[in-house]
Amino acid sequence: QLVESGGGLVQAGGSLRLSCAASGRTVG
């Protein structure tokens, strides 16, 4: 299972950091 978060509404020039949390040892 992969679950993204961190999206949203921002103005041009702004910043966001998205995260993707994975089950098990997927990322590793």
mmCIF file of all heavy atoms, coordinates in Angstrom:
data_MODEL
# 
_entry.id   MODEL 
# 
loop_
_atom_site.group_PDB 
_atom_site.id 
_atom_site.type_symbol 
_atom_site.label_atom_id 
_atom_site.label_alt_id 
_atom_site.label_comp_id 
_atom_site.label_asym_id 
_atom_site.label_entity_id 
_atom_site.label_seq_id 
_atom_site.pdbx_PDB_ins_code 
_atom_site.Cartn_x 
_atom_site.Cartn_y 
_atom_site.Cartn_z 
_atom_site.occupancy 
_atom_site.B_iso_or_equiv 
_atom_site.pdbx_formal_charge 
_atom_site.auth_seq_id 
_atom_site.auth_comp_id 
_atom_site.auth_asym_id 
_atom_site.auth_atom_id 
_atom_site.pdbx_PDB_model_num 
ATOM 1   N N   . GLN A 1 1  ? 0.836  -1.188 0.000  1.00 0.00 ? 1  GLN A N   1 
ATOM 2   C CA  . GLN A 1 1  ? 0.000  0.000  0.000  1.00 0.00 ? 1  GLN A CA  1 
ATOM 3   C C   . GLN A 1 1  ? 0.875  1.243  0.000  1.00 0.00 ? 1  GLN A C   1 
ATOM 4   O O   . GLN A 1 1  ? 1.807  1.353  0.800  1.00 0.00 ? 1  GLN A O   1 
ATOM 5   C CB  . GLN A 1 1  ? -0.927 0.021  1.210  1.00 0.00 ? 1  GLN A CB  1 
ATOM 6   C CG  . GLN A 1 1  ? -1.875 1.209  1.238  1.00 0.00 ? 1  GLN A CG  1 
ATOM 7   C CD  . GLN A 1 1  ? -2.857 1.155  2.396  1.00 0.00 ? 1  GLN A CD  1 
ATOM 8   O OE1 . GLN A 1 1  ? -3.000 0.138  3.064  1.00 0.00 ? 1  GLN A OE1 1 
ATOM 9   N NE2 . GLN A 1 1  ? -3.555 2.259  2.637  1.00 0.00 ? 1  GLN A NE2 1 
ATOM 10  N N   . LEU A 1 2  ? 0.581  2.158  -0.899 1.00 0.00 ? 2  LEU A N   1 
ATOM 11  C CA  . LEU A 1 2  ? 1.279  3.426  -0.994 1.00 0.00 ? 2  LEU A CA  1 
ATOM 12  C C   . LEU A 1 2  ? 0.264  4.536  -0.774 1.00 0.00 ? 2  LEU A C   1 
ATOM 13  O O   . LEU A 1 2  ? -0.773 4.570  -1.435 1.00 0.00 ? 2  LEU A O   1 
ATOM 14  C CB  . LEU A 1 2  ? 1.936  3.594  -2.366 1.00 0.00 ? 2  LEU A CB  1 
ATOM 15  C CG  . LEU A 1 2  ? 2.883  2.467  -2.820 1.00 0.00 ? 2  LEU A CG  1 
ATOM 16  C CD1 . LEU A 1 2  ? 3.352  2.720  -4.253 1.00 0.00 ? 2  LEU A CD1 1 
ATOM 17  C CD2 . LEU A 1 2  ? 4.080  2.374  -1.883 1.00 0.00 ? 2  LEU A CD2 1 
ATOM 18  N N   . VAL A 1 3  ? 0.560  5.431  0.155  1.00 0.00 ? 3  VAL A N   1 
ATOM 19  C CA  . VAL A 1 3  ? -0.364 6.503  0.498  1.00 0.00 ? 3  VAL A CA  1 
ATOM 20  C C   . VAL A 1 3  ? 0.347  7.838  0.385  1.00 0.00 ? 3  VAL A C   1 
ATOM 21  O O   . VAL A 1 3  ? 1.280  8.115  1.137  1.00 0.00 ? 3  VAL A O   1 
ATOM 22  C CB  . VAL A 1 3  ? -0.937 6.325  1.911  1.00 0.00 ? 3  VAL A CB  1 
ATOM 23  C CG1 . VAL A 1 3  ? -1.898 7.463  2.231  1.00 0.00 ? 3  VAL A CG1 1 
ATOM 24  C CG2 . VAL A 1 3  ? -1.646 4.983  2.033  1.00 0.00 ? 3  VAL A CG2 1 
ATOM 25  N N   . GLU A 1 4  ? -0.118 8.665  -0.548 1.00 0.00 ? 4  GLU A N   1 
ATOM 26  C CA  . GLU A 1 4  ? 0.457  9.989  -0.740 1.00 0.00 ? 4  GLU A CA  1 
ATOM 27  C C   . GLU A 1 4  ? -0.236 11.013 0.143  1.00 0.00 ? 4  GLU A C   1 
ATOM 28  O O   . GLU A 1 4  ? -1.417 10.886 0.463  1.00 0.00 ? 4  GLU A O   1 
ATOM 29  C CB  . GLU A 1 4  ? 0.343  10.435 -2.201 1.00 0.00 ? 4  GLU A CB  1 
ATOM 30  C CG  . GLU A 1 4  ? 0.992  9.495  -3.201 1.00 0.00 ? 4  GLU A CG  1 
ATOM 31  C CD  . GLU A 1 4  ? 0.019  8.499  -3.789 1.00 0.00 ? 4  GLU A CD  1 
ATOM 32  O OE1 . GLU A 1 4  ? -1.001 8.194  -3.132 1.00 0.00 ? 4  GLU A OE1 1 
ATOM 33  O OE2 . GLU A 1 4  ? 0.275  8.019  -4.909 1.00 0.00 ? 4  GLU A OE2 1 
ATOM 34  N N   . SER A 1 5  ? 0.499  12.046 0.491  1.00 0.00 ? 5  SER A N   1 
ATOM 35  C CA  . SER A 1 5  ? -0.052 13.154 1.249  1.00 0.00 ? 5  SER A CA  1 
ATOM 36  C C   . SER A 1 5  ? 0.771  14.400 0.960  1.00 0.00 ? 5  SER A C   1 
ATOM 37  O O   . SER A 1 5  ? 1.849  14.323 0.372  1.00 0.00 ? 5  SER A O   1 
ATOM 38  C CB  . SER A 1 5  ? -0.063 12.858 2.749  1.00 0.00 ? 5  SER A CB  1 
ATOM 39  O OG  . SER A 1 5  ? 1.249  12.669 3.240  1.00 0.00 ? 5  SER A OG  1 
ATOM 40  N N   . GLY A 1 6  ? 0.264  15.541 1.381  1.00 0.00 ? 6  GLY A N   1 
ATOM 41  C CA  . GLY A 1 6  ? 1.001  16.784 1.243  1.00 0.00 ? 6  GLY A CA  1 
ATOM 42  C C   . GLY A 1 6  ? 0.546  17.690 0.129  1.00 0.00 ? 6  GLY A C   1 
ATOM 43  O O   . GLY A 1 6  ? 1.062  18.809 -0.008 1.00 0.00 ? 6  GLY A O   1 
ATOM 44  N N   . GLY A 1 7  ? -0.397 17.239 -0.667 1.00 0.00 ? 7  GLY A N   1 
ATOM 45  C CA  . GLY A 1 7  ? -0.898 18.081 -1.735 1.00 0.00 ? 7  GLY A CA  1 
ATOM 46  C C   . GLY A 1 7  ? -1.738 19.216 -1.196 1.00 0.00 ? 7  GLY A C   1 
ATOM 47  O O   . GLY A 1 7  ? -2.090 19.258 -0.018 1.00 0.00 ? 7  GLY A O   1 
ATOM 48  N N   . GLY A 1 8  ? -2.053 20.146 -2.069 1.00 0.00 ? 8  GLY A N   1 
ATOM 49  C CA  . GLY A 1 8  ? -2.853 21.284 -1.666 1.00 0.00 ? 8  GLY A CA  1 
ATOM 50  C C   . GLY A 1 8  ? -2.857 22.363 -2.713 1.00 0.00 ? 8  GLY A C   1 
ATOM 51  O O   . GLY A 1 8  ? -2.433 22.148 -3.852 1.00 0.00 ? 8  GLY A O   1 
ATOM 52  N N   . LEU A 1 9  ? -3.333 23.522 -2.317 1.00 0.00 ? 9  LEU A N   1 
ATOM 53  C CA  . LEU A 1 9  ? -3.418 24.678 -3.195 1.00 0.00 ? 9  LEU A CA  1 
ATOM 54  C C   . LEU A 1 9  ? -2.339 25.683 -2.810 1.00 0.00 ? 9  LEU A C   1 
ATOM 55  O O   . LEU A 1 9  ? -2.248 26.092 -1.649 1.00 0.00 ? 9  LEU A O   1 
ATOM 56  C CB  . LEU A 1 9  ? -4.797 25.326 -3.077 1.00 0.00 ? 9  LEU A CB  1 
ATOM 57  C CG  . LEU A 1 9  ? -5.014 26.647 -3.811 1.00 0.00 ? 9  LEU A CG  1 
ATOM 58  C CD1 . LEU A 1 9  ? -4.874 26.442 -5.316 1.00 0.00 ? 9  LEU A CD1 1 
ATOM 59  C CD2 . LEU A 1 9  ? -6.378 27.223 -3.459 1.00 0.00 ? 9  LEU A CD2 1 
ATOM 60  N N   . VAL A 1 10 ? -1.528 26.056 -3.782 1.00 0.00 ? 10 VAL A N   1 
ATOM 61  C CA  . VAL A 1 10 ? -0.470 27.038 -3.554 1.00 0.00 ? 10 VAL A CA  1 
ATOM 62  C C   . VAL A 1 10 ? -0.428 28.012 -4.715 1.00 0.00 ? 10 VAL A C   1 
ATOM 63  O O   . VAL A 1 10 ? -0.889 27.720 -5.815 1.00 0.00 ? 10 VAL A O   1 
ATOM 64  C CB  . VAL A 1 10 ? 0.916  26.383 -3.387 1.00 0.00 ? 10 VAL A CB  1 
ATOM 65  C CG1 . VAL A 1 10 ? 0.941  25.471 -2.170 1.00 0.00 ? 10 VAL A CG1 1 
ATOM 66  C CG2 . VAL A 1 10 ? 1.285  25.604 -4.640 1.00 0.00 ? 10 VAL A CG2 1 
ATOM 67  N N   . GLN A 1 11 ? 0.132  29.168 -4.454 1.00 0.00 ? 11 GLN A N   1 
ATOM 68  C CA  . GLN A 1 11 ? 0.324  30.157 -5.502 1.00 0.00 ? 11 GLN A CA  1 
ATOM 69  C C   . GLN A 1 11 ? 1.592  29.856 -6.288 1.00 0.00 ? 11 GLN A C   1 
ATOM 70  O O   . GLN A 1 11 ? 2.513  29.200 -5.792 1.00 0.00 ? 11 GLN A O   1 
ATOM 71  C CB  . GLN A 1 11 ? 0.416  31.565 -4.918 1.00 0.00 ? 11 GLN A CB  1 
ATOM 72  C CG  . GLN A 1 11 ? -0.860 32.065 -4.279 1.00 0.00 ? 11 GLN A CG  1 
ATOM 73  C CD  . GLN A 1 11 ? -0.784 33.522 -3.889 1.00 0.00 ? 11 GLN A CD  1 
ATOM 74  O OE1 . GLN A 1 11 ? -1.801 34.210 -3.845 1.00 0.00 ? 11 GLN A OE1 1 
ATOM 75  N NE2 . GLN A 1 11 ? 0.409  34.017 -3.613 1.00 0.00 ? 11 GLN A NE2 1 
ATOM 76  N N   . ALA A 1 12 ? 1.623  30.317 -7.510 1.00 0.00 ? 12 ALA A N   1 
ATOM 77  C CA  . ALA A 1 12 ? 2.819  30.158 -8.323 1.00 0.00 ? 12 ALA A CA  1 
ATOM 78  C C   . ALA A 1 12 ? 4.031  30.696 -7.585 1.00 0.00 ? 12 ALA A C   1 
ATOM 79  O O   . ALA A 1 12 ? 3.976  31.761 -6.969 1.00 0.00 ? 12 ALA A O   1 
ATOM 80  C CB  . ALA A 1 12 ? 2.642  30.871 -9.658 1.00 0.00 ? 12 ALA A CB  1 
ATOM 81  N N   . GLY A 1 13 ? 5.110  29.939 -7.653 1.00 0.00 ? 13 GLY A N   1 
ATOM 82  C CA  . GLY A 1 13 ? 6.323  30.310 -6.950 1.00 0.00 ? 13 GLY A CA  1 
ATOM 83  C C   . GLY A 1 13 ? 6.443  29.691 -5.573 1.00 0.00 ? 13 GLY A C   1 
ATOM 84  O O   . GLY A 1 13 ? 7.521  29.734 -4.965 1.00 0.00 ? 13 GLY A O   1 
ATOM 85  N N   . GLY A 1 14 ? 5.370  29.108 -5.091 1.00 0.00 ? 14 GLY A N   1 
ATOM 86  C CA  . GLY A 1 14 ? 5.370  28.496 -3.784 1.00 0.00 ? 14 GLY A CA  1 
ATOM 87  C C   . GLY A 1 14 ? 5.949  27.098 -3.795 1.00 0.00 ? 14 GLY A C   1 
ATOM 88  O O   . GLY A 1 14 ? 6.406  26.598 -4.820 1.00 0.00 ? 14 GLY A O   1 
ATOM 89  N N   . SER A 1 15 ? 5.894  26.461 -2.625 1.00 0.00 ? 15 SER A N   1 
ATOM 90  C CA  . SER A 1 15 ? 6.485  25.139 -2.458 1.00 0.00 ? 15 SER A CA  1 
ATOM 91  C C   . SER A 1 15 ? 5.539  24.194 -1.751 1.00 0.00 ? 15 SER A C   1 
ATOM 92  O O   . SER A 1 15 ? 4.680  24.605 -0.964 1.00 0.00 ? 15 SER A O   1 
ATOM 93  C CB  . SER A 1 15 ? 7.781  25.225 -1.646 1.00 0.00 ? 15 SER A CB  1 
ATOM 94  O OG  . SER A 1 15 ? 8.760  26.017 -2.291 1.00 0.00 ? 15 SER A OG  1 
ATOM 95  N N   . LEU A 1 16 ? 5.707  22.928 -2.041 1.00 0.00 ? 16 LEU A N   1 
ATOM 96  C CA  . LEU A 1 16 ? 5.003  21.856 -1.355 1.00 0.00 ? 16 LEU A CA  1 
ATOM 97  C C   . LEU A 1 16 ? 5.945  20.673 -1.233 1.00 0.00 ? 16 LEU A C   1 
ATOM 98  O O   . LEU A 1 16 ? 6.828  20.492 -2.077 1.00 0.00 ? 16 LEU A O   1 
ATOM 99  C CB  . LEU A 1 16 ? 3.752  21.409 -2.113 1.00 0.00 ? 16 LEU A CB  1 
ATOM 100 C CG  . LEU A 1 16 ? 2.504  22.278 -2.070 1.00 0.00 ? 16 LEU A CG  1 
ATOM 101 C CD1 . LEU A 1 16 ? 1.453  21.706 -3.023 1.00 0.00 ? 16 LEU A CD1 1 
ATOM 102 C CD2 . LEU A 1 16 ? 1.946  22.353 -0.657 1.00 0.00 ? 16 LEU A CD2 1 
ATOM 103 N N   . ARG A 1 17 ? 5.757  19.882 -0.200 1.00 0.00 ? 17 ARG A N   1 
ATOM 104 C CA  . ARG A 1 17 ? 6.479  18.633 -0.079 1.00 0.00 ? 17 ARG A CA  1 
ATOM 105 C C   . ARG A 1 17 ? 5.485  17.491 0.009  1.00 0.00 ? 17 ARG A C   1 
ATOM 106 O O   . ARG A 1 17 ? 4.684  17.419 0.941  1.00 0.00 ? 17 ARG A O   1 
ATOM 107 C CB  . ARG A 1 17 ? 7.397  18.599 1.144  1.00 0.00 ? 17 ARG A CB  1 
ATOM 108 C CG  . ARG A 1 17 ? 8.305  17.358 1.145  1.00 0.00 ? 17 ARG A CG  1 
ATOM 109 C CD  . ARG A 1 17 ? 9.268  17.312 2.303  1.00 0.00 ? 17 ARG A CD  1 
ATOM 110 N NE  . ARG A 1 17 ? 8.630  16.876 3.540  1.00 0.00 ? 17 ARG A NE  1 
ATOM 111 C CZ  . ARG A 1 17 ? 9.280  16.327 4.564  1.00 0.00 ? 17 ARG A CZ  1 
ATOM 112 N NH1 . ARG A 1 17 ? 10.594 16.164 4.499  1.00 0.00 ? 17 ARG A NH1 1 
ATOM 113 N NH2 . ARG A 1 17 ? 8.620  15.981 5.656  1.00 0.00 ? 17 ARG A NH2 1 
ATOM 114 N N   . LEU A 1 18 ? 5.550  16.619 -0.957 1.00 0.00 ? 18 LEU A N   1 
ATOM 115 C CA  . LEU A 1 18 ? 4.701  15.450 -0.976 1.00 0.00 ? 18 LEU A CA  1 
ATOM 116 C C   . LEU A 1 18 ? 5.394  14.285 -0.292 1.00 0.00 ? 18 LEU A C   1 
ATOM 117 O O   . LEU A 1 18 ? 6.615  14.144 -0.362 1.00 0.00 ? 18 LEU A O   1 
ATOM 118 C CB  . LEU A 1 18 ? 4.349  15.054 -2.413 1.00 0.00 ? 18 LEU A CB  1 
ATOM 119 C CG  . LEU A 1 18 ? 3.739  16.141 -3.300 1.00 0.00 ? 18 LEU A CG  1 
ATOM 120 C CD1 . LEU A 1 18 ? 3.375  15.549 -4.655 1.00 0.00 ? 18 LEU A CD1 1 
ATOM 121 C CD2 . LEU A 1 18 ? 2.528  16.775 -2.628 1.00 0.00 ? 18 LEU A CD2 1 
ATOM 122 N N   . SER A 1 19 ? 4.597  13.459 0.359  1.00 0.00 ? 19 SER A N   1 
ATOM 123 C CA  . SER A 1 19 ? 5.108  12.265 1.002  1.00 0.00 ? 19 SER A CA  1 
ATOM 124 C C   . SER A 1 19 ? 4.376  11.050 0.472  1.00 0.00 ? 19 SER A C   1 
ATOM 125 O O   . SER A 1 19 ? 3.196  11.120 0.139  1.00 0.00 ? 19 SER A O   1 
ATOM 126 C CB  . SER A 1 19 ? 4.930  12.336 2.519  1.00 0.00 ? 19 SER A CB  1 
ATOM 127 O OG  . SER A 1 19 ? 5.647  13.411 3.078  1.00 0.00 ? 19 SER A OG  1 
ATOM 128 N N   . CYS A 1 20 ? 5.077  9.958  0.394  1.00 0.00 ? 20 CYS A N   1 
ATOM 129 C CA  . CYS A 1 20 ? 4.493  8.684  0.008  1.00 0.00 ? 20 CYS A CA  1 
ATOM 130 C C   . CYS A 1 20 ? 4.915  7.655  1.030  1.00 0.00 ? 20 CYS A C   1 
ATOM 131 O O   . CYS A 1 20 ? 6.091  7.260  1.065  1.00 0.00 ? 20 CYS A O   1 
ATOM 132 C CB  . CYS A 1 20 ? 4.948  8.287  -1.398 1.00 0.00 ? 20 CYS A CB  1 
ATOM 133 S SG  . CYS A 1 20 ? 4.442  6.629  -1.899 1.00 0.00 ? 20 CYS A SG  1 
ATOM 134 N N   . ALA A 1 21 ? 3.979  7.250  1.861  1.00 0.00 ? 21 ALA A N   1 
ATOM 135 C CA  . ALA A 1 21 ? 4.249  6.264  2.893  1.00 0.00 ? 21 ALA A CA  1 
ATOM 136 C C   . ALA A 1 21 ? 3.898  4.882  2.374  1.00 0.00 ? 21 ALA A C   1 
ATOM 137 O O   . ALA A 1 21 ? 2.799  4.663  1.860  1.00 0.00 ? 21 ALA A O   1 
ATOM 138 C CB  . ALA A 1 21 ? 3.454  6.580  4.150  1.00 0.00 ? 21 ALA A CB  1 
ATOM 139 N N   . ALA A 1 22 ? 4.817  3.964  2.523  1.00 0.00 ? 22 ALA A N   1 
ATOM 140 C CA  . ALA A 1 22 ? 4.637  2.622  2.002  1.00 0.00 ? 22 ALA A CA  1 
ATOM 141 C C   . ALA A 1 22 ? 4.558  1.602  3.124  1.00 0.00 ? 22 ALA A C   1 
ATOM 142 O O   . ALA A 1 22 ? 5.158  1.771  4.184  1.00 0.00 ? 22 ALA A O   1 
ATOM 143 C CB  . ALA A 1 22 ? 5.782  2.256  1.061  1.00 0.00 ? 22 ALA A CB  1 
ATOM 144 N N   . SER A 1 23 ? 3.814  0.554  2.874  1.00 0.00 ? 23 SER A N   1 
ATOM 145 C CA  . SER A 1 23 ? 3.742  -0.550 3.819  1.00 0.00 ? 23 SER A CA  1 
ATOM 146 C C   . SER A 1 23 ? 4.959  -1.438 3.680  1.00 0.00 ? 23 SER A C   1 
ATOM 147 O O   . SER A 1 23 ? 5.651  -1.421 2.653  1.00 0.00 ? 23 SER A O   1 
ATOM 148 C CB  . SER A 1 23 ? 2.462  -1.361 3.588  1.00 0.00 ? 23 SER A CB  1 
ATOM 149 O OG  . SER A 1 23 ? 2.478  -1.971 2.303  1.00 0.00 ? 23 SER A OG  1 
ATOM 150 N N   . GLY A 1 24 ? 5.204  -2.231 4.705  1.00 0.00 ? 24 GLY A N   1 
ATOM 151 C CA  . GLY A 1 24 ? 6.299  -3.177 4.654  1.00 0.00 ? 24 GLY A CA  1 
ATOM 152 C C   . GLY A 1 24 ? 7.645  -2.516 4.479  1.00 0.00 ? 24 GLY A C   1 
ATOM 153 O O   . GLY A 1 24 ? 7.903  -1.440 5.020  1.00 0.00 ? 24 GLY A O   1 
ATOM 154 N N   . ARG A 1 25 ? 8.486  -3.166 3.695  1.00 0.00 ? 25 ARG A N   1 
ATOM 155 C CA  . ARG A 1 25 ? 9.840  -2.674 3.450  1.00 0.00 ? 25 ARG A CA  1 
ATOM 156 C C   . ARG A 1 25 ? 9.998  -2.150 2.037  1.00 0.00 ? 25 ARG A C   1 
ATOM 157 O O   . ARG A 1 25 ? 11.091 -2.139 1.490  1.00 0.00 ? 25 ARG A O   1 
ATOM 158 C CB  . ARG A 1 25 ? 10.835 -3.808 3.705  1.00 0.00 ? 25 ARG A CB  1 
ATOM 159 C CG  . ARG A 1 25 ? 10.800 -4.357 5.131  1.00 0.00 ? 25 ARG A CG  1 
ATOM 160 C CD  . ARG A 1 25 ? 11.619 -5.620 5.260  1.00 0.00 ? 25 ARG A CD  1 
ATOM 161 N NE  . ARG A 1 25 ? 13.018 -5.404 4.949  1.00 0.00 ? 25 ARG A NE  1 
ATOM 162 C CZ  . ARG A 1 25 ? 13.921 -6.380 4.843  1.00 0.00 ? 25 ARG A CZ  1 
ATOM 163 N NH1 . ARG A 1 25 ? 13.549 -7.643 5.015  1.00 0.00 ? 25 ARG A NH1 1 
ATOM 164 N NH2 . ARG A 1 25 ? 15.177 -6.088 4.557  1.00 0.00 ? 25 ARG A NH2 1 
ATOM 165 N N   . THR A 1 26 ? 8.910  -1.691 1.455  1.00 0.00 ? 26 THR A N   1 
ATOM 166 C CA  . THR A 1 26 ? 8.908  -1.259 0.061  1.00 0.00 ? 26 THR A CA  1 
ATOM 167 C C   . THR A 1 26 ? 9.957  -0.203 -0.241 1.00 0.00 ? 26 THR A C   1 
ATOM 168 O O   . THR A 1 26 ? 10.752 -0.339 -1.178 1.00 0.00 ? 26 THR A O   1 
ATOM 169 C CB  . THR A 1 26 ? 7.522  -0.736 -0.333 1.00 0.00 ? 26 THR A CB  1 
ATOM 170 O OG1 . THR A 1 26 ? 6.558  -1.786 -0.220 1.00 0.00 ? 26 THR A OG1 1 
ATOM 171 C CG2 . THR A 1 26 ? 7.526  -0.223 -1.771 1.00 0.00 ? 26 THR A CG2 1 
ATOM 172 N N   . VAL A 1 27 ? 9.960  0.862  0.534  1.00 0.00 ? 27 VAL A N   1 
ATOM 173 C CA  . VAL A 1 27 ? 10.878 1.953  0.266  1.00 0.00 ? 27 VAL A CA  1 
ATOM 174 C C   . VAL A 1 27 ? 12.322 1.519  0.424  1.00 0.00 ? 27 VAL A C   1 
ATOM 175 O O   . VAL A 1 27 ? 13.198 1.963  -0.330 1.00 0.00 ? 27 VAL A O   1 
ATOM 176 C CB  . VAL A 1 27 ? 10.553 3.168  1.163  1.00 0.00 ? 27 VAL A CB  1 
ATOM 177 C CG1 . VAL A 1 27 ? 11.636 4.235  1.032  1.00 0.00 ? 27 VAL A CG1 1 
ATOM 178 C CG2 . VAL A 1 27 ? 9.192  3.743  0.806  1.00 0.00 ? 27 VAL A CG2 1 
ATOM 179 N N   . GLY A 1 28 ? 12.564 0.651  1.367  1.00 0.00 ? 28 GLY A N   1 
ATOM 180 C CA  . GLY A 1 28 ? 13.928 0.242  1.630  1.00 0.00 ? 28 GLY A CA  1 
ATOM 181 C C   . GLY A 1 28 ? 14.539 -0.651 0.578  1.00 0.00 ? 28 GLY A C   1 
ATOM 182 O O   . GLY A 1 28 ? 15.774 -0.733 0.476  1.00 0.00 ? 28 GLY A O   1 
# 
